[in-house]
Amino acid sequence: MAKHRQRVDIIADILKIAAQGARKTRIMYVANLSYSQLVKYLEKTTSLGFVQSGINGYEITEKGRTFLERYIHFSSKYSSVEHLLEGIESEKRALEKMCEQPQSA
């Protein structure tokens, strides 16, 4: 089952792409967005001052770089915690299984 991306994840994807300078079409395809999503998120990232429109398309700003660095740091921590929680859930399932009555033949 596919996981839906959160708004912050989509914004980070756009900023990663815009870090190299990119036109709308490239952002849309690489970030896997529909055209209406693209318009919505480009308006949002522009109004927040994360990207700006330039000669070669959209470019990340210093504010956008700061956000992206913080996002990458957060994402790394989140992934570690998520992995830890998966291990804990696995331990819990094993303990619960130990508490089940054996099936008689």
N, C-alpha and C. Protein backbone atom coordinates (compact mmCIF):
# COMPACT_ATOMS: atom_id res chain seq x y z
N MET A 1 0.85 -1.17 0.00
CA MET A 1 0.00 0.00 0.00
C MET A 1 0.90 1.24 0.00
N ALA A 2 0.62 2.17 -0.87
CA ALA A 2 1.42 3.38 -0.99
C ALA A 2 1.14 4.32 0.19
N LYS A 3 2.20 4.95 0.62
CA LYS A 3 2.08 5.90 1.73
C LYS A 3 1.87 7.30 1.15
N HIS A 4 0.87 8.00 1.67
CA HIS A 4 0.63 9.36 1.21
C HIS A 4 1.66 10.28 1.81
N ARG A 5 2.19 11.18 0.99
CA ARG A 5 3.17 12.13 1.48
C ARG A 5 2.48 13.28 2.19
N GLN A 6 3.11 13.74 3.21
CA GLN A 6 2.62 14.91 3.93
C GLN A 6 3.06 16.17 3.17
N ARG A 7 2.41 17.27 3.48
CA ARG A 7 2.72 18.55 2.83
C ARG A 7 4.21 18.89 2.95
N VAL A 8 4.76 18.70 4.14
CA VAL A 8 6.17 19.04 4.37
C VAL A 8 7.09 18.18 3.51
N ASP A 9 6.71 16.92 3.27
CA ASP A 9 7.52 16.04 2.43
C ASP A 9 7.50 16.49 0.96
N ILE A 10 6.34 16.92 0.51
CA ILE A 10 6.22 17.40 -0.88
C ILE A 10 7.02 18.68 -1.06
N ILE A 11 6.93 19.57 -0.09
CA ILE A 11 7.70 20.82 -0.16
C ILE A 11 9.19 20.51 -0.20
N ALA A 12 9.64 19.58 0.64
CA ALA A 12 11.05 19.20 0.64
C ALA A 12 11.47 18.62 -0.71
N ASP A 13 10.60 17.79 -1.31
CA ASP A 13 10.91 17.24 -2.64
C ASP A 13 11.09 18.36 -3.67
N ILE A 14 10.20 19.33 -3.63
CA ILE A 14 10.29 20.46 -4.57
C ILE A 14 11.58 21.23 -4.35
N LEU A 15 11.95 21.45 -3.10
CA LEU A 15 13.18 22.19 -2.81
C LEU A 15 14.42 21.43 -3.27
N LYS A 16 14.42 20.12 -3.12
CA LYS A 16 15.55 19.31 -3.59
C LYS A 16 15.73 19.48 -5.09
N ILE A 17 14.62 19.46 -5.80
CA ILE A 17 14.66 19.60 -7.26
C ILE A 17 15.08 21.02 -7.64
N ALA A 18 14.52 22.01 -6.96
CA ALA A 18 14.82 23.41 -7.27
C ALA A 18 16.26 23.79 -6.89
N ALA A 19 16.91 22.99 -6.08
CA ALA A 19 18.30 23.27 -5.68
C ALA A 19 19.21 23.30 -6.90
N GLN A 20 18.83 22.58 -7.95
CA GLN A 20 19.61 22.55 -9.19
C GLN A 20 19.05 23.52 -10.23
N GLY A 21 17.95 24.17 -9.89
CA GLY A 21 17.25 25.02 -10.85
C GLY A 21 16.40 24.12 -11.74
N ALA A 22 15.12 24.38 -11.81
CA ALA A 22 14.24 23.50 -12.59
C ALA A 22 13.00 24.25 -13.05
N ARG A 23 12.55 23.85 -14.20
CA ARG A 23 11.30 24.39 -14.73
C ARG A 23 10.11 23.60 -14.16
N LYS A 24 8.91 24.13 -14.37
CA LYS A 24 7.70 23.52 -13.82
C LYS A 24 7.55 22.05 -14.21
N THR A 25 7.78 21.74 -15.47
CA THR A 25 7.58 20.38 -15.95
C THR A 25 8.49 19.40 -15.22
N ARG A 26 9.74 19.77 -15.06
CA ARG A 26 10.69 18.89 -14.35
C ARG A 26 10.25 18.68 -12.90
N ILE A 27 9.87 19.77 -12.23
CA ILE A 27 9.42 19.66 -10.84
C ILE A 27 8.21 18.74 -10.76
N MET A 28 7.26 18.93 -11.67
CA MET A 28 6.04 18.14 -11.67
C MET A 28 6.35 16.65 -11.81
N TYR A 29 7.20 16.29 -12.76
CA TYR A 29 7.49 14.87 -13.00
C TYR A 29 8.38 14.26 -11.93
N VAL A 30 9.44 14.95 -11.54
CA VAL A 30 10.36 14.39 -10.55
C VAL A 30 9.69 14.29 -9.18
N ALA A 31 8.89 15.29 -8.81
CA ALA A 31 8.20 15.26 -7.52
C ALA A 31 6.91 14.44 -7.57
N ASN A 32 6.57 13.93 -8.75
CA ASN A 32 5.38 13.11 -8.95
C ASN A 32 4.10 13.84 -8.49
N LEU A 33 3.88 15.01 -9.09
CA LEU A 33 2.72 15.84 -8.76
C LEU A 33 1.83 16.01 -9.98
N SER A 34 0.55 16.17 -9.74
CA SER A 34 -0.35 16.55 -10.83
C SER A 34 -0.12 18.04 -11.11
N TYR A 35 -0.66 18.52 -12.21
CA TYR A 35 -0.46 19.93 -12.52
C TYR A 35 -1.10 20.82 -11.46
N SER A 36 -2.29 20.46 -10.99
CA SER A 36 -2.95 21.29 -9.98
C SER A 36 -2.16 21.29 -8.67
N GLN A 37 -1.59 20.15 -8.30
CA GLN A 37 -0.74 20.10 -7.10
C GLN A 37 0.50 20.96 -7.30
N LEU A 38 1.08 20.87 -8.48
CA LEU A 38 2.27 21.66 -8.79
C LEU A 38 2.00 23.15 -8.59
N VAL A 39 0.92 23.62 -9.18
CA VAL A 39 0.57 25.05 -9.06
C VAL A 39 0.39 25.43 -7.60
N LYS A 40 -0.35 24.61 -6.86
CA LYS A 40 -0.61 24.88 -5.45
C LYS A 40 0.70 24.95 -4.65
N TYR A 41 1.57 23.98 -4.84
CA TYR A 41 2.81 23.94 -4.05
C TYR A 41 3.84 24.98 -4.50
N LEU A 42 3.86 25.30 -5.77
CA LEU A 42 4.77 26.37 -6.21
C LEU A 42 4.32 27.71 -5.65
N GLU A 43 3.01 27.94 -5.61
CA GLU A 43 2.50 29.17 -4.99
C GLU A 43 2.88 29.21 -3.52
N LYS A 44 2.73 28.08 -2.84
CA LYS A 44 3.03 27.99 -1.41
C LYS A 44 4.52 28.22 -1.15
N THR A 45 5.37 27.51 -1.87
CA THR A 45 6.81 27.63 -1.62
C THR A 45 7.34 29.01 -2.02
N THR A 46 6.74 29.60 -3.03
CA THR A 46 7.14 30.95 -3.43
C THR A 46 6.71 31.96 -2.38
N SER A 47 5.46 31.85 -1.91
CA SER A 47 4.96 32.81 -0.91
C SER A 47 5.72 32.68 0.42
N LEU A 48 6.20 31.49 0.72
CA LEU A 48 7.00 31.29 1.94
C LEU A 48 8.44 31.77 1.79
N GLY A 49 8.82 32.07 0.56
CA GLY A 49 10.18 32.52 0.30
C GLY A 49 11.18 31.39 0.19
N PHE A 50 10.70 30.17 -0.07
CA PHE A 50 11.58 29.01 -0.19
C PHE A 50 12.16 28.86 -1.59
N VAL A 51 11.39 29.28 -2.60
CA VAL A 51 11.86 29.26 -3.99
C VAL A 51 11.53 30.60 -4.63
N GLN A 52 12.25 30.86 -5.70
CA GLN A 52 11.95 32.06 -6.49
C GLN A 52 12.03 31.70 -7.96
N SER A 53 11.27 32.41 -8.75
CA SER A 53 11.27 32.18 -10.18
C SER A 53 12.43 32.96 -10.78
N GLY A 54 13.23 32.25 -11.57
CA GLY A 54 14.38 32.89 -12.20
C GLY A 54 14.37 32.66 -13.70
N ILE A 55 15.45 33.01 -14.34
CA ILE A 55 15.58 32.86 -15.79
C ILE A 55 15.46 31.39 -16.21
N ASN A 56 16.06 30.51 -15.41
CA ASN A 56 16.06 29.08 -15.74
C ASN A 56 15.00 28.29 -14.99
N GLY A 57 13.94 28.94 -14.59
CA GLY A 57 12.87 28.26 -13.87
C GLY A 57 12.89 28.63 -12.39
N TYR A 58 12.62 27.65 -11.56
CA TYR A 58 12.55 27.90 -10.12
C TYR A 58 13.87 27.53 -9.45
N GLU A 59 14.27 28.39 -8.53
CA GLU A 59 15.52 28.19 -7.81
C GLU A 59 15.25 28.29 -6.32
N ILE A 60 15.98 27.49 -5.55
CA ILE A 60 15.83 27.51 -4.10
C ILE A 60 16.50 28.77 -3.53
N THR A 61 15.91 29.34 -2.50
CA THR A 61 16.47 30.52 -1.84
C THR A 61 17.26 30.07 -0.60
N GLU A 62 17.91 31.00 0.04
CA GLU A 62 18.63 30.68 1.27
C GLU A 62 17.66 30.18 2.35
N LYS A 63 16.50 30.81 2.43
CA LYS A 63 15.49 30.37 3.39
C LYS A 63 15.04 28.94 3.06
N GLY A 64 14.92 28.64 1.79
CA GLY A 64 14.56 27.29 1.36
C GLY A 64 15.65 26.28 1.70
N ARG A 65 16.91 26.69 1.54
CA ARG A 65 18.04 25.80 1.90
C ARG A 65 18.03 25.51 3.40
N THR A 66 17.75 26.52 4.20
CA THR A 66 17.69 26.32 5.65
C THR A 66 16.58 25.34 6.00
N PHE A 67 15.41 25.53 5.39
CA PHE A 67 14.29 24.60 5.62
C PHE A 67 14.69 23.19 5.21
N LEU A 68 15.30 23.05 4.04
CA LEU A 68 15.66 21.73 3.53
C LEU A 68 16.69 21.04 4.43
N GLU A 69 17.66 21.78 4.92
CA GLU A 69 18.65 21.21 5.85
C GLU A 69 17.97 20.71 7.12
N ARG A 70 17.05 21.52 7.66
CA ARG A 70 16.32 21.11 8.87
C ARG A 70 15.42 19.91 8.59
N TYR A 71 14.80 19.88 7.41
CA TYR A 71 13.95 18.76 7.04
C TYR A 71 14.78 17.47 6.94
N ILE A 72 15.94 17.55 6.32
CA ILE A 72 16.79 16.36 6.17
C ILE A 72 17.21 15.84 7.55
N HIS A 73 17.56 16.75 8.45
CA HIS A 73 17.94 16.37 9.81
C HIS A 73 16.74 15.71 10.52
N PHE A 74 15.58 16.33 10.43
CA PHE A 74 14.35 15.79 11.02
C PHE A 74 14.04 14.41 10.43
N SER A 75 14.10 14.30 9.12
CA SER A 75 13.75 13.06 8.43
C SER A 75 14.64 11.91 8.88
N SER A 76 15.90 12.20 9.08
CA SER A 76 16.84 11.18 9.55
C SER A 76 16.47 10.71 10.95
N LYS A 77 16.17 11.66 11.84
CA LYS A 77 15.76 11.30 13.20
C LYS A 77 14.44 10.53 13.18
N TYR A 78 13.51 10.98 12.39
CA TYR A 78 12.19 10.35 12.31
C TYR A 78 12.33 8.90 11.83
N SER A 79 13.17 8.71 10.82
CA SER A 79 13.38 7.37 10.28
C SER A 79 13.97 6.44 11.34
N SER A 80 14.91 6.95 12.14
CA SER A 80 15.51 6.15 13.20
C SER A 80 14.47 5.76 14.24
N VAL A 81 13.65 6.70 14.64
CA VAL A 81 12.61 6.44 15.63
C VAL A 81 11.59 5.45 15.06
N GLU A 82 11.22 5.62 13.81
CA GLU A 82 10.26 4.73 13.17
C GLU A 82 10.79 3.30 13.16
N HIS A 83 12.08 3.15 12.84
CA HIS A 83 12.71 1.83 12.82
C HIS A 83 12.72 1.23 14.21
N LEU A 84 13.03 2.02 15.21
CA LEU A 84 13.02 1.58 16.60
C LEU A 84 11.63 1.12 17.02
N LEU A 85 10.60 1.89 16.66
CA LEU A 85 9.23 1.52 16.99
C LEU A 85 8.80 0.22 16.32
N GLU A 86 9.25 0.00 15.10
CA GLU A 86 8.93 -1.25 14.42
C GLU A 86 9.51 -2.43 15.20
N GLY A 87 10.73 -2.28 15.70
CA GLY A 87 11.35 -3.33 16.50
C GLY A 87 10.60 -3.58 17.79
N ILE A 88 10.16 -2.51 18.43
CA ILE A 88 9.39 -2.63 19.67
C ILE A 88 8.07 -3.33 19.42
N GLU A 89 7.40 -2.98 18.32
CA GLU A 89 6.13 -3.63 17.97
C GLU A 89 6.35 -5.12 17.71
N SER A 90 7.46 -5.46 17.09
CA SER A 90 7.77 -6.86 16.83
C SER A 90 7.96 -7.62 18.14
N GLU A 91 8.66 -6.99 19.08
CA GLU A 91 8.84 -7.60 20.41
C GLU A 91 7.50 -7.79 21.11
N LYS A 92 6.63 -6.80 20.99
CA LYS A 92 5.30 -6.88 21.62
C LYS A 92 4.50 -8.04 21.03
N ARG A 93 4.53 -8.19 19.71
CA ARG A 93 3.80 -9.29 19.07
C ARG A 93 4.34 -10.64 19.53
N ALA A 94 5.66 -10.74 19.69
CA ALA A 94 6.26 -11.99 20.16
C ALA A 94 5.80 -12.30 21.58
N LEU A 95 5.75 -11.29 22.44
CA LEU A 95 5.28 -11.49 23.81
C LEU A 95 3.81 -11.89 23.84
N GLU A 96 3.01 -11.24 23.01
CA GLU A 96 1.59 -11.59 22.94
C GLU A 96 1.39 -13.02 22.47
N LYS A 97 2.20 -13.42 21.52
CA LYS A 97 2.11 -14.79 21.00
C LYS A 97 2.45 -15.79 22.10
N MET A 98 3.41 -15.45 22.96
CA MET A 98 3.80 -16.32 24.06
C MET A 98 2.66 -16.48 25.07
N CYS A 99 1.76 -15.53 25.12
CA CYS A 99 0.64 -15.57 26.07
C CYS A 99 -0.57 -16.32 25.55
N GLU A 100 -0.54 -16.74 24.31
CA GLU A 100 -1.66 -17.46 23.72
C GLU A 100 -1.65 -18.92 24.19
N GLN A 101 -2.84 -19.49 24.30
CA GLN A 101 -2.99 -20.89 24.66
C GLN A 101 -2.58 -21.76 23.47
N PRO A 102 -1.83 -22.82 23.72
CA PRO A 102 -1.49 -23.71 22.60
C PRO A 102 -2.74 -24.41 22.09
N GLN A 103 -2.79 -24.65 20.80
CA GLN A 103 -3.92 -25.35 20.18
C GLN A 103 -3.82 -26.83 20.47
N SER A 104 -4.89 -27.41 20.98
CA SER A 104 -4.88 -28.86 21.25
C SER A 104 -5.32 -29.62 20.00
N ALA A 105 -4.76 -30.82 19.85
CA ALA A 105 -5.04 -31.62 18.66
C ALA A 105 -6.32 -32.40 18.76
